[in-house]
Amino acid sequence: MAEATRATHLRVNGRAHDLDLDPHRTLLDVLRSELGLKGPKYGCGMAQCGACTVLVDGAPARSCVLRVGKLGPRAVTTLEGLADPETGALHPVQAGFVAEEGAQCGYCLNGMVMSAVALLRQEPNPSATRIRAALAHNLCRCGTHAEILASVQRAAELLAATPSDKAAS
């Protein structure tokens, strides 16, 4: 038996989307299948690895377990929504990861970047200990932990040097 669908309004990366969806579908499935956004990855499906992390109203959320019917009017930001929409310039956190080579295979990258964005919005100059704590629930199996830490520290420096109207995005 097919699941019932309902009109669902989603705000993703600053754009409105009106879709007819089963409210029990995961946000990850909708982002990837319906909206074509490939930043969030399917990792474990149990909110344990962080590959599917998105920002919901600025806070990290695991899209593999978040049901679209529970989102309501909250704004969702994916990795694709971080770059400047006018210029295409990378977000300072993305630029920090590029500069410090904070990715190996790239599978954990989405969760690391999204968690780092949320951290740096709350705490613009975090200590290494605080960065480690904020990223502790994002798994990386490639062993680039030192580079990831350096990437977030570089991102903090880039954000500090960014005009305040751009740093908030």
Protein backbone atom coordinates (compact mmCIF):
# COMPACT_ATOMS: atom_id res chain seq x y z
CA MET A 1 0.00 0.00 0.00
CA ALA A 2 1.37 3.40 -0.96
CA GLU A 3 2.00 5.95 1.75
CA ALA A 4 -0.24 9.00 1.84
CA THR A 5 1.33 12.17 0.51
CA ARG A 6 0.65 15.74 1.41
CA ALA A 7 1.64 19.14 0.19
CA THR A 8 4.90 20.02 1.90
CA HIS A 9 6.62 23.38 1.88
CA LEU A 10 10.39 23.26 2.40
CA ARG A 11 12.86 26.14 2.59
CA VAL A 12 16.22 24.82 1.42
CA ASN A 13 19.25 27.00 0.75
CA GLY A 14 17.09 30.11 0.71
CA ARG A 15 14.65 28.78 -1.87
CA ALA A 16 11.07 27.67 -1.37
CA HIS A 17 10.03 24.22 -2.59
CA ASP A 18 6.44 23.00 -2.67
CA LEU A 19 6.38 19.24 -3.03
CA ASP A 20 3.82 16.48 -2.66
CA LEU A 21 5.57 14.10 -0.25
CA ASP A 22 5.07 11.32 2.23
CA PRO A 23 5.71 13.19 5.51
CA HIS A 24 7.57 10.16 6.85
CA ARG A 25 10.32 10.38 4.22
CA THR A 26 13.66 11.45 5.54
CA LEU A 27 14.98 14.88 4.76
CA LEU A 28 18.12 13.23 3.33
CA ASP A 29 16.06 11.24 0.84
CA VAL A 30 14.11 14.32 -0.25
CA LEU A 31 17.22 16.49 -0.55
CA ARG A 32 19.02 13.94 -2.70
CA SER A 33 16.14 12.42 -4.69
CA GLU A 34 13.72 15.29 -5.15
CA LEU A 35 15.99 18.36 -5.01
CA GLY A 36 19.16 16.83 -6.51
CA LEU A 37 21.40 18.02 -3.65
CA LYS A 38 24.30 15.63 -3.20
CA GLY A 39 26.23 17.39 -0.39
CA PRO A 40 24.56 15.44 2.42
CA LYS A 41 25.61 11.79 2.16
CA TYR A 42 23.98 8.60 3.34
CA GLY A 43 26.38 7.02 5.81
CA CYS A 44 24.90 4.92 8.56
CA GLY A 45 21.20 5.85 8.46
CA MET A 46 21.16 6.02 12.27
CA ALA A 47 22.42 9.59 12.97
CA GLN A 48 25.76 8.24 14.17
CA CYS A 49 28.33 9.19 11.52
CA GLY A 50 27.46 12.77 10.54
CA ALA A 51 27.78 12.36 6.75
CA CYS A 52 24.18 13.56 6.33
CA THR A 53 24.51 16.70 8.48
CA VAL A 54 22.61 19.80 7.37
CA LEU A 55 21.76 22.98 9.24
CA VAL A 56 18.19 23.45 10.38
CA ASP A 57 17.68 27.04 11.47
CA GLY A 58 21.46 27.20 11.82
CA ALA A 59 21.85 24.14 14.07
CA PRO A 60 23.42 20.86 12.89
CA ALA A 61 20.84 18.14 12.26
CA ARG A 62 21.11 14.58 10.96
CA SER A 63 19.00 14.50 7.84
CA CYS A 64 19.00 10.69 7.66
CA VAL A 65 16.59 10.48 10.60
CA LEU A 66 14.75 13.81 10.32
CA ARG A 67 11.31 13.37 8.77
CA VAL A 68 10.18 16.08 6.35
CA GLY A 69 6.79 16.18 8.03
CA LYS A 70 8.46 17.40 11.23
CA LEU A 71 10.33 20.33 9.65
CA GLY A 72 7.54 22.87 9.45
CA PRO A 73 8.72 26.36 8.48
CA ARG A 74 12.34 25.84 9.54
CA ALA A 75 15.11 26.75 7.11
CA VAL A 76 17.43 24.00 5.86
CA THR A 77 20.95 24.72 4.62
CA THR A 78 23.02 22.12 2.83
CA LEU A 79 26.64 22.19 1.72
CA GLU A 80 25.48 23.56 -1.63
CA GLY A 81 23.84 26.52 0.11
CA LEU A 82 27.02 27.80 1.75
CA ALA A 83 28.69 29.40 -1.26
CA ASP A 84 27.84 33.01 -2.08
CA PRO A 85 24.84 32.79 -4.45
CA GLU A 86 25.87 35.93 -6.33
CA THR A 87 29.57 35.29 -6.85
CA GLY A 88 29.91 31.56 -6.28
CA ALA A 89 32.71 32.26 -3.79
CA LEU A 90 33.18 29.49 -1.29
CA HIS A 91 32.04 30.01 2.29
CA PRO A 92 35.06 30.69 4.54
CA VAL A 93 34.68 27.23 6.10
CA GLN A 94 34.79 25.60 2.68
CA ALA A 95 37.78 27.77 1.78
CA GLY A 96 39.50 26.75 5.02
CA PHE A 97 39.06 23.07 4.17
CA VAL A 98 40.49 23.64 0.70
CA ALA A 99 43.45 25.66 2.01
CA GLU A 100 44.37 23.12 4.69
CA GLU A 101 43.54 20.01 2.63
CA GLY A 102 41.00 18.89 5.23
CA ALA A 103 39.48 16.19 3.04
CA GLN A 104 40.75 12.85 1.89
CA CYS A 105 37.97 10.74 0.41
CA GLY A 106 35.40 13.50 1.01
CA TYR A 107 32.71 11.31 2.51
CA CYS A 108 32.79 12.92 5.96
CA LEU A 109 33.47 16.36 4.53
CA ASN A 110 29.83 17.44 4.36
CA GLY A 111 29.25 16.78 8.06
CA MET A 112 32.56 18.29 9.11
CA VAL A 113 31.93 21.49 7.15
CA MET A 114 28.33 21.88 8.28
CA SER A 115 29.22 21.25 11.93
CA ALA A 116 32.11 23.70 11.67
CA VAL A 117 29.83 26.38 10.19
CA ALA A 118 27.43 25.99 13.13
CA LEU A 119 30.29 26.08 15.64
CA LEU A 120 31.89 29.20 14.17
CA ARG A 121 28.55 31.02 14.09
CA GLN A 122 28.25 30.46 17.83
CA GLU A 123 31.90 30.74 18.73
CA PRO A 124 34.01 32.69 16.22
CA ASN A 125 37.38 31.85 17.79
CA PRO A 126 37.13 28.38 19.32
CA SER A 127 40.02 26.56 20.94
CA ALA A 128 41.32 23.33 19.44
CA THR A 129 39.60 21.47 22.29
CA ARG A 130 36.28 23.13 21.47
CA ILE A 131 36.64 22.32 17.77
CA ARG A 132 37.35 18.67 18.59
CA ALA A 133 34.26 18.56 20.83
CA ALA A 134 32.05 20.13 18.15
CA LEU A 135 33.23 17.62 15.54
CA ALA A 136 33.38 14.59 17.83
CA HIS A 137 30.21 13.07 16.40
CA ASN A 138 31.39 13.32 12.80
CA LEU A 139 33.33 10.23 11.81
CA CYS A 140 36.37 10.34 9.54
CA ARG A 141 38.02 7.06 8.65
CA CYS A 142 40.76 8.53 6.44
CA GLY A 143 42.80 9.93 9.29
CA THR A 144 42.81 13.59 8.28
CA HIS A 145 41.94 14.74 11.79
CA ALA A 146 44.91 17.11 12.06
CA GLU A 147 44.04 18.67 8.71
CA ILE A 148 40.38 18.98 9.68
CA LEU A 149 41.33 20.77 12.90
CA ALA A 150 43.64 23.10 10.94
CA SER A 151 40.84 23.67 8.39
CA VAL A 152 38.43 24.88 11.06
CA GLN A 153 41.11 27.08 12.61
CA ARG A 154 41.84 28.57 9.17
CA ALA A 155 38.11 29.09 8.63
CA ALA A 156 37.93 31.03 11.90
CA GLU A 157 40.74 33.27 10.64
CA LEU A 158 39.00 33.75 7.29
CA LEU A 159 35.71 34.59 8.99
CA ALA A 160 37.44 37.11 11.24
CA ALA A 161 38.80 38.83 8.14
CA THR A 162 35.40 38.79 6.36
CA PRO A 163 33.07 41.80 6.55
CA SER A 164 30.33 41.07 9.09
CA ASP A 165 27.49 41.08 6.51
CA LYS A 166 29.19 38.21 4.61
CA ALA A 167 30.34 36.26 7.69
CA ALA A 168 26.79 35.81 8.93
CA SER A 169 25.72 33.81 5.87
